[in-house]
Amino acid sequence: MKLMTEELKKRFAEIGDQSMEENPLVIAKLFDPMGSATWYATQYDPETDVCFGYVSGQVYDPEGRFDQWGTFSIGELESIQRGYPKLIFGNEVFVPQATIGIERDTCFEEMRFNELMEKQHSLGKKKKAPDIEKRIKSLEGDGQDVSKGLGSEIEF
């Protein structure tokens, strides 16, 4: 997916430098569909193809202590391609050839950073962290080998 469209480039140019803005306007949201990382872009430099913005979820932490402001390269994000896990059906192994990369949230609507954080926190309060012990016990009860759950294989 093309992460930086001509329309977005024009919008970033209209908004300009927000480095001194206390509550910047978030223009675009990029995310890893196979992980938890999300990049919220507030500025874009077309000469370097680098954005400035808020990065969250690169390290799992419900408190968000590792989230931070910084720069990120659009070219680097576009180059990320991750494969799907190997599937095992009895004695047969299926290795999907498809890959997936970082995506742009095409439904994201511009909003001020503080408003975004309020929405994120209100959503987070409604969600409970998964109870891993309970999940392991349920897998053990199903007769599944939970030691294989840590790899990139799915067994049926």
N, C-alpha and C. Protein backbone atom coordinates (compact mmCIF):
# COMPACT_ATOMS: atom_id res chain seq x y z
N MET A 1 0.85 -1.18 0.00
CA MET A 1 0.00 0.00 0.00
C MET A 1 0.89 1.24 0.00
N LYS A 2 0.49 2.22 -0.76
CA LYS A 2 1.19 3.50 -0.79
C LYS A 2 0.80 4.26 0.48
N LEU A 3 1.78 4.50 1.34
CA LEU A 3 1.48 5.14 2.62
C LEU A 3 1.32 6.66 2.50
N MET A 4 2.03 7.26 1.56
CA MET A 4 1.98 8.72 1.41
C MET A 4 1.42 9.06 0.03
N THR A 5 0.17 9.45 -0.01
CA THR A 5 -0.49 9.80 -1.27
C THR A 5 -0.22 11.27 -1.60
N GLU A 6 -0.51 11.65 -2.83
CA GLU A 6 -0.35 13.05 -3.23
C GLU A 6 -1.29 13.94 -2.42
N GLU A 7 -2.47 13.44 -2.14
CA GLU A 7 -3.44 14.19 -1.34
C GLU A 7 -2.89 14.46 0.07
N LEU A 8 -2.29 13.45 0.67
CA LEU A 8 -1.69 13.63 2.00
C LEU A 8 -0.51 14.60 1.95
N LYS A 9 0.32 14.50 0.92
CA LYS A 9 1.45 15.41 0.78
C LYS A 9 0.96 16.86 0.73
N LYS A 10 -0.12 17.10 -0.03
CA LYS A 10 -0.69 18.45 -0.12
C LYS A 10 -1.21 18.90 1.24
N ARG A 11 -1.86 18.00 1.95
CA ARG A 11 -2.42 18.36 3.26
C ARG A 11 -1.31 18.69 4.26
N PHE A 12 -0.24 17.89 4.27
CA PHE A 12 0.89 18.18 5.15
C PHE A 12 1.51 19.53 4.80
N ALA A 13 1.59 19.85 3.52
CA ALA A 13 2.15 21.15 3.09
C ALA A 13 1.26 22.29 3.56
N GLU A 14 -0.06 22.11 3.50
CA GLU A 14 -1.01 23.13 3.97
C GLU A 14 -0.84 23.39 5.46
N ILE A 15 -0.71 22.33 6.23
CA ILE A 15 -0.59 22.45 7.69
C ILE A 15 0.76 23.03 8.08
N GLY A 16 1.82 22.58 7.42
CA GLY A 16 3.16 23.10 7.69
C GLY A 16 3.77 22.58 8.99
N ASP A 17 4.72 23.34 9.49
CA ASP A 17 5.48 22.97 10.68
C ASP A 17 4.61 23.08 11.93
N GLN A 18 4.50 21.99 12.67
CA GLN A 18 3.74 21.98 13.91
C GLN A 18 4.64 21.73 15.12
N SER A 19 5.95 21.87 14.94
CA SER A 19 6.89 21.51 16.00
C SER A 19 6.71 22.35 17.27
N MET A 20 6.20 23.55 17.14
CA MET A 20 5.99 24.40 18.32
C MET A 20 4.55 24.32 18.83
N GLU A 21 3.75 23.54 18.16
CA GLU A 21 2.34 23.39 18.53
C GLU A 21 2.22 22.47 19.74
N GLU A 22 1.53 22.92 20.77
CA GLU A 22 1.36 22.12 21.98
C GLU A 22 0.42 20.93 21.75
N ASN A 23 -0.56 21.13 20.90
CA ASN A 23 -1.55 20.10 20.61
C ASN A 23 -1.68 19.97 19.08
N PRO A 24 -0.71 19.31 18.42
CA PRO A 24 -0.70 19.28 16.95
C PRO A 24 -1.86 18.49 16.36
N LEU A 25 -2.12 18.79 15.11
CA LEU A 25 -3.14 18.09 14.34
C LEU A 25 -2.52 16.81 13.78
N VAL A 26 -3.13 15.68 14.07
CA VAL A 26 -2.67 14.40 13.52
C VAL A 26 -3.32 14.23 12.16
N ILE A 27 -2.49 14.10 11.12
CA ILE A 27 -2.98 14.08 9.74
C ILE A 27 -3.22 12.65 9.24
N ALA A 28 -2.34 11.72 9.61
CA ALA A 28 -2.44 10.36 9.07
C ALA A 28 -2.11 9.33 10.15
N LYS A 29 -2.71 8.17 9.99
CA LYS A 29 -2.45 7.05 10.91
C LYS A 29 -1.97 5.86 10.08
N LEU A 30 -0.81 5.33 10.46
CA LEU A 30 -0.25 4.14 9.82
C LEU A 30 -0.19 3.06 10.89
N PHE A 31 -0.36 1.80 10.50
CA PHE A 31 -0.37 0.74 11.50
C PHE A 31 0.14 -0.58 10.93
N ASP A 32 0.57 -1.44 11.84
CA ASP A 32 1.03 -2.78 11.50
C ASP A 32 -0.13 -3.74 11.73
N PRO A 33 -0.73 -4.28 10.67
CA PRO A 33 -1.88 -5.16 10.85
C PRO A 33 -1.54 -6.50 11.51
N MET A 34 -0.26 -6.83 11.60
CA MET A 34 0.13 -8.09 12.24
C MET A 34 0.83 -7.83 13.57
N GLY A 35 0.72 -6.62 14.08
CA GLY A 35 1.35 -6.26 15.34
C GLY A 35 0.57 -5.16 16.02
N SER A 36 1.22 -4.47 16.93
CA SER A 36 0.52 -3.44 17.69
C SER A 36 1.06 -2.03 17.41
N ALA A 37 2.08 -1.90 16.57
CA ALA A 37 2.68 -0.59 16.32
C ALA A 37 1.77 0.30 15.49
N THR A 38 1.72 1.57 15.89
CA THR A 38 0.93 2.57 15.19
C THR A 38 1.73 3.86 15.12
N TRP A 39 1.70 4.50 13.96
CA TRP A 39 2.41 5.75 13.74
C TRP A 39 1.38 6.82 13.40
N TYR A 40 1.35 7.91 14.19
CA TYR A 40 0.44 9.03 13.97
C TYR A 40 1.27 10.20 13.45
N ALA A 41 1.11 10.53 12.18
CA ALA A 41 1.93 11.55 11.55
C ALA A 41 1.34 12.94 11.71
N THR A 42 2.18 13.88 12.19
CA THR A 42 1.76 15.27 12.32
C THR A 42 2.50 16.18 11.33
N GLN A 43 3.64 15.73 10.82
CA GLN A 43 4.43 16.50 9.86
C GLN A 43 5.05 15.55 8.85
N TYR A 44 5.34 16.09 7.65
CA TYR A 44 5.98 15.29 6.62
C TYR A 44 6.95 16.17 5.84
N ASP A 45 8.16 15.64 5.63
CA ASP A 45 9.17 16.33 4.83
C ASP A 45 9.31 15.58 3.51
N PRO A 46 8.82 16.15 2.39
CA PRO A 46 8.87 15.45 1.11
C PRO A 46 10.29 15.24 0.59
N GLU A 47 11.22 16.09 1.01
CA GLU A 47 12.61 15.95 0.54
C GLU A 47 13.27 14.70 1.10
N THR A 48 12.97 14.36 2.34
CA THR A 48 13.59 13.19 2.98
C THR A 48 12.64 12.00 3.08
N ASP A 49 11.36 12.21 2.77
CA ASP A 49 10.33 11.18 2.89
C ASP A 49 10.22 10.68 4.33
N VAL A 50 10.35 11.64 5.27
CA VAL A 50 10.32 11.33 6.70
C VAL A 50 9.19 12.10 7.36
N CYS A 51 8.48 11.42 8.25
CA CYS A 51 7.41 12.04 9.02
C CYS A 51 7.88 12.26 10.45
N PHE A 52 7.22 13.20 11.10
CA PHE A 52 7.37 13.38 12.53
C PHE A 52 6.00 13.10 13.12
N GLY A 53 5.97 12.41 14.24
CA GLY A 53 4.69 12.13 14.86
C GLY A 53 4.85 11.29 16.10
N TYR A 54 3.74 10.74 16.52
CA TYR A 54 3.68 9.95 17.75
C TYR A 54 3.66 8.47 17.38
N VAL A 55 4.54 7.69 18.00
CA VAL A 55 4.64 6.26 17.72
C VAL A 55 4.21 5.50 18.97
N SER A 56 3.29 4.57 18.79
CA SER A 56 2.82 3.80 19.94
C SER A 56 2.78 2.32 19.61
N GLY A 57 2.86 1.51 20.65
CA GLY A 57 2.67 0.08 20.52
C GLY A 57 3.84 -0.72 19.99
N GLN A 58 5.01 -0.13 19.88
CA GLN A 58 6.14 -0.93 19.40
C GLN A 58 6.61 -1.91 20.46
N VAL A 59 6.37 -1.58 21.71
CA VAL A 59 6.62 -2.48 22.83
C VAL A 59 5.29 -2.60 23.56
N TYR A 60 4.80 -3.83 23.76
CA TYR A 60 3.50 -3.97 24.42
C TYR A 60 3.58 -3.47 25.85
N ASP A 61 2.75 -2.49 26.13
CA ASP A 61 2.67 -1.92 27.47
C ASP A 61 1.32 -1.23 27.59
N PRO A 62 0.38 -1.80 28.35
CA PRO A 62 -0.95 -1.19 28.47
C PRO A 62 -0.91 0.24 28.99
N GLU A 63 0.14 0.59 29.71
CA GLU A 63 0.26 1.95 30.25
C GLU A 63 0.80 2.95 29.23
N GLY A 64 1.35 2.46 28.11
CA GLY A 64 1.87 3.35 27.08
C GLY A 64 3.17 4.05 27.47
N ARG A 65 3.94 3.47 28.38
CA ARG A 65 5.15 4.12 28.85
C ARG A 65 6.25 4.19 27.80
N PHE A 66 6.16 3.36 26.77
CA PHE A 66 7.21 3.35 25.75
C PHE A 66 6.80 4.10 24.50
N ASP A 67 5.61 4.65 24.47
CA ASP A 67 5.17 5.46 23.34
C ASP A 67 5.93 6.77 23.34
N GLN A 68 6.22 7.30 22.14
CA GLN A 68 7.02 8.52 22.11
C GLN A 68 6.85 9.28 20.80
N TRP A 69 7.25 10.55 20.84
CA TRP A 69 7.31 11.40 19.66
C TRP A 69 8.64 11.15 18.96
N GLY A 70 8.63 11.17 17.64
CA GLY A 70 9.87 10.99 16.91
C GLY A 70 9.64 10.99 15.41
N THR A 71 10.71 10.69 14.69
CA THR A 71 10.64 10.64 13.23
C THR A 71 10.57 9.20 12.76
N PHE A 72 9.97 9.02 11.59
CA PHE A 72 9.92 7.69 10.98
C PHE A 72 9.90 7.85 9.47
N SER A 73 10.61 6.96 8.82
CA SER A 73 10.79 6.99 7.37
C SER A 73 9.64 6.27 6.67
N ILE A 74 8.98 6.96 5.77
CA ILE A 74 7.90 6.35 5.00
C ILE A 74 8.46 5.22 4.13
N GLY A 75 9.62 5.45 3.51
CA GLY A 75 10.25 4.42 2.68
C GLY A 75 10.54 3.15 3.45
N GLU A 76 11.05 3.31 4.66
CA GLU A 76 11.34 2.13 5.49
C GLU A 76 10.05 1.40 5.87
N LEU A 77 9.02 2.15 6.25
CA LEU A 77 7.76 1.51 6.61
C LEU A 77 7.16 0.77 5.41
N GLU A 78 7.26 1.38 4.21
CA GLU A 78 6.72 0.73 3.01
C GLU A 78 7.51 -0.53 2.65
N SER A 79 8.75 -0.62 3.07
CA SER A 79 9.57 -1.78 2.72
C SER A 79 9.31 -2.99 3.62
N ILE A 80 8.60 -2.80 4.72
CA ILE A 80 8.34 -3.91 5.65
C ILE A 80 7.30 -4.84 5.04
N GLN A 81 7.66 -6.10 4.92
CA GLN A 81 6.74 -7.13 4.43
C GLN A 81 6.87 -8.35 5.33
N ARG A 82 5.78 -8.76 5.92
CA ARG A 82 5.81 -9.89 6.85
C ARG A 82 4.97 -11.03 6.29
N GLY A 83 5.48 -12.24 6.45
CA GLY A 83 4.77 -13.41 5.97
C GLY A 83 3.76 -13.92 6.98
N TYR A 84 2.83 -14.68 6.49
CA TYR A 84 1.85 -15.31 7.36
C TYR A 84 2.46 -16.56 7.98
N PRO A 85 1.92 -17.03 9.09
CA PRO A 85 2.50 -18.23 9.73
C PRO A 85 2.26 -19.50 8.91
N LYS A 86 3.12 -20.46 9.11
CA LYS A 86 2.99 -21.78 8.49
C LYS A 86 1.80 -22.49 9.13
N LEU A 87 1.00 -23.14 8.31
CA LEU A 87 -0.16 -23.88 8.81
C LEU A 87 0.11 -25.37 8.68
N ILE A 88 -0.23 -26.15 9.70
CA ILE A 88 -0.02 -27.59 9.69
C ILE A 88 -1.37 -28.28 9.86
N PHE A 89 -1.74 -29.08 8.85
CA PHE A 89 -2.96 -29.85 8.89
C PHE A 89 -2.57 -31.31 8.95
N GLY A 90 -2.51 -31.87 10.15
CA GLY A 90 -2.06 -33.26 10.30
C GLY A 90 -0.63 -33.40 9.83
N ASN A 91 -0.41 -34.16 8.74
CA ASN A 91 0.93 -34.34 8.19
C ASN A 91 1.25 -33.36 7.07
N GLU A 92 0.29 -32.54 6.68
CA GLU A 92 0.50 -31.61 5.58
C GLU A 92 0.88 -30.23 6.11
N VAL A 93 1.82 -29.60 5.43
CA VAL A 93 2.27 -28.26 5.81
C VAL A 93 1.94 -27.30 4.67
N PHE A 94 1.32 -26.19 5.02
CA PHE A 94 0.99 -25.17 4.04
C PHE A 94 1.71 -23.88 4.44
N VAL A 95 2.52 -23.35 3.55
CA VAL A 95 3.25 -22.11 3.81
C VAL A 95 2.69 -21.04 2.87
N PRO A 96 1.87 -20.12 3.39
CA PRO A 96 1.31 -19.08 2.53
C PRO A 96 2.41 -18.23 1.89
N GLN A 97 2.25 -17.89 0.63
CA GLN A 97 3.23 -17.09 -0.09
C GLN A 97 2.96 -15.59 0.04
N ALA A 98 1.78 -15.24 0.50
CA ALA A 98 1.40 -13.84 0.62
C ALA A 98 2.16 -13.15 1.77
N THR A 99 2.37 -11.87 1.61
CA THR A 99 2.95 -11.06 2.68
C THR A 99 2.05 -9.86 2.91
N ILE A 100 2.26 -9.22 4.03
CA ILE A 100 1.48 -8.03 4.36
C ILE A 100 2.43 -6.99 4.93
N GLY A 101 2.16 -5.74 4.61
CA GLY A 101 3.03 -4.66 5.08
C GLY A 101 2.28 -3.68 5.96
N ILE A 102 2.94 -2.60 6.27
CA ILE A 102 2.33 -1.53 7.06
C ILE A 102 1.21 -0.91 6.23
N GLU A 103 0.12 -0.59 6.88
CA GLU A 103 -1.06 -0.05 6.19
C GLU A 103 -1.34 1.39 6.64
N ARG A 104 -2.07 2.10 5.81
CA ARG A 104 -2.55 3.43 6.16
C ARG A 104 -4.04 3.29 6.48
N ASP A 105 -4.46 3.85 7.58
CA ASP A 105 -5.87 3.80 7.96
C ASP A 105 -6.62 4.80 7.08
N THR A 106 -7.30 4.27 6.07
CA THR A 106 -7.99 5.13 5.10
C THR A 106 -9.26 5.75 5.69
N CYS A 107 -9.71 5.27 6.84
CA CYS A 107 -10.90 5.83 7.49
C CYS A 107 -10.54 6.84 8.59
N PHE A 108 -9.24 7.02 8.84
CA PHE A 108 -8.81 7.93 9.89
C PHE A 108 -9.18 9.37 9.54
N GLU A 109 -9.74 10.07 10.50
CA GLU A 109 -10.09 11.48 10.32
C GLU A 109 -9.15 12.33 11.16
N GLU A 110 -8.66 13.40 10.55
CA GLU A 110 -7.74 14.30 11.27
C GLU A 110 -8.34 14.72 12.60
N MET A 111 -7.48 14.80 13.60
CA MET A 111 -7.92 15.30 14.90
C MET A 111 -6.72 15.79 15.69
N ARG A 112 -6.99 16.60 16.66
CA ARG A 112 -5.93 17.09 17.54
C ARG A 112 -5.40 15.93 18.38
N PHE A 113 -4.12 16.00 18.71
CA PHE A 113 -3.46 14.92 19.44
C PHE A 113 -4.16 14.62 20.77
N ASN A 114 -4.53 15.65 21.52
CA ASN A 114 -5.19 15.42 22.82
C ASN A 114 -6.51 14.67 22.65
N GLU A 115 -7.25 15.00 21.60
CA GLU A 115 -8.51 14.31 21.33
C GLU A 115 -8.25 12.84 20.99
N LEU A 116 -7.20 12.58 20.21
CA LEU A 116 -6.82 11.22 19.86
C LEU A 116 -6.49 10.42 21.12
N MET A 117 -5.72 11.02 22.02
CA MET A 117 -5.33 10.32 23.25
C MET A 117 -6.54 10.05 24.13
N GLU A 118 -7.47 10.99 24.20
CA GLU A 118 -8.69 10.76 24.98
C GLU A 118 -9.47 9.58 24.43
N LYS A 119 -9.58 9.51 23.09
CA LYS A 119 -10.29 8.39 22.46
C LYS A 119 -9.57 7.08 22.73
N GLN A 120 -8.25 7.08 22.60
CA GLN A 120 -7.47 5.86 22.83
C GLN A 120 -7.63 5.37 24.27
N HIS A 121 -7.55 6.29 25.21
CA HIS A 121 -7.66 5.90 26.62
C HIS A 121 -9.06 5.42 26.96
N SER A 122 -10.09 6.03 26.38
CA SER A 122 -11.45 5.58 26.67
C SER A 122 -11.68 4.20 26.07
N LEU A 123 -11.08 3.90 24.90
CA LEU A 123 -11.19 2.57 24.33
C LEU A 123 -10.42 1.56 25.16
N GLY A 124 -9.24 1.95 25.62
CA GLY A 124 -8.40 1.06 26.42
C GLY A 124 -9.04 0.67 27.73
N LYS A 125 -9.81 1.58 28.32
CA LYS A 125 -10.45 1.29 29.60
C LYS A 125 -11.54 0.25 29.44
N LYS A 126 -12.16 0.20 28.26
CA LYS A 126 -13.22 -0.77 28.02
C LYS A 126 -12.67 -2.16 27.78
N LYS A 127 -11.42 -2.23 27.28
CA LYS A 127 -10.81 -3.52 26.99
C LYS A 127 -10.04 -4.02 28.20
N LYS A 128 -10.10 -5.31 28.40
CA LYS A 128 -9.31 -5.91 29.46
C LYS A 128 -8.17 -6.68 28.81
N ALA A 129 -7.03 -6.65 29.46
CA ALA A 129 -5.90 -7.43 28.96
C ALA A 129 -6.26 -8.91 29.01
N PRO A 130 -5.84 -9.68 28.01
CA PRO A 130 -6.19 -11.10 28.02
C PRO A 130 -5.54 -11.81 29.20
N ASP A 131 -6.29 -12.72 29.80
CA ASP A 131 -5.78 -13.50 30.91
C ASP A 131 -5.02 -14.69 30.32
N ILE A 132 -3.70 -14.58 30.25
CA ILE A 132 -2.88 -15.58 29.58
C ILE A 132 -2.94 -16.93 30.29
N GLU A 133 -3.00 -16.93 31.62
CA GLU A 133 -3.08 -18.19 32.36
C GLU A 133 -4.37 -18.93 32.01
N LYS A 134 -5.47 -18.19 31.93
CA LYS A 134 -6.75 -18.79 31.59
C LYS A 134 -6.72 -19.36 30.17
N ARG A 135 -6.08 -18.63 29.24
CA ARG A 135 -5.96 -19.09 27.85
C ARG A 135 -5.13 -20.36 27.75
N ILE A 136 -4.03 -20.43 28.48
CA ILE A 136 -3.18 -21.62 28.46
C ILE A 136 -3.94 -22.82 28.99
N LYS A 137 -4.67 -22.62 30.10
CA LYS A 137 -5.45 -23.72 30.67
C LYS A 137 -6.52 -24.21 29.70
N SER A 138 -7.14 -23.29 28.96
CA SER A 138 -8.17 -23.69 28.00
C SER A 138 -7.55 -24.48 26.85
N LEU A 139 -6.34 -24.10 26.42
CA LEU A 139 -5.65 -24.85 25.36
C LEU A 139 -5.25 -26.23 25.85
N GLU A 140 -4.76 -26.30 27.09
CA GLU A 140 -4.38 -27.59 27.66
C GLU A 140 -5.59 -28.50 27.77
N GLY A 141 -6.73 -27.90 28.13
CA GLY A 141 -7.97 -28.67 28.25
C GLY A 141 -8.43 -29.22 26.91
N ASP A 142 -8.08 -28.53 25.82
CA ASP A 142 -8.44 -28.98 24.47
C ASP A 142 -7.47 -30.03 23.94
N GLY A 143 -6.44 -30.33 24.72
CA GLY A 143 -5.45 -31.31 24.28
C GLY A 143 -4.43 -30.75 23.31
N GLN A 144 -4.34 -29.44 23.19
CA GLN A 144 -3.37 -28.82 22.28
C GLN A 144 -2.03 -28.68 22.98
N ASP A 145 -0.98 -28.76 22.20
CA ASP A 145 0.38 -28.59 22.73
C ASP A 145 0.65 -27.09 22.80
N VAL A 146 0.56 -26.52 24.03
CA VAL A 146 0.73 -25.07 24.18
C VAL A 146 2.17 -24.63 23.96
N SER A 147 3.13 -25.54 23.97
CA SER A 147 4.51 -25.15 23.73
C SER A 147 4.71 -24.70 22.29
N LYS A 148 3.84 -25.13 21.37
CA LYS A 148 3.95 -24.72 19.98
C LYS A 148 3.30 -23.36 19.74
N GLY A 149 2.57 -22.85 20.71
CA GLY A 149 1.87 -21.58 20.54
C GLY A 149 2.79 -20.38 20.51
N LEU A 150 4.05 -20.57 20.82
CA LEU A 150 4.98 -19.46 20.84
C LEU A 150 5.66 -19.24 19.51
N GLY A 151 5.56 -20.19 18.58
CA GLY A 151 6.21 -20.07 17.28
C GLY A 151 5.28 -19.47 16.26
N SER A 152 5.69 -19.53 15.01
CA SER A 152 4.84 -18.99 13.94
C SER A 152 4.19 -20.13 13.17
N GLU A 153 3.64 -21.09 13.89
CA GLU A 153 2.94 -22.21 13.29
C GLU A 153 1.55 -22.30 13.89
N ILE A 154 0.62 -22.74 13.07
CA ILE A 154 -0.74 -23.00 13.54
C ILE A 154 -1.05 -24.43 13.18
N GLU A 155 -1.37 -25.25 14.16
CA GLU A 155 -1.62 -26.66 13.91
C GLU A 155 -3.09 -26.95 14.07
N PHE A 156 -3.62 -27.75 13.12
CA PHE A 156 -5.03 -28.14 13.16
C PHE A 156 -5.14 -29.62 13.32
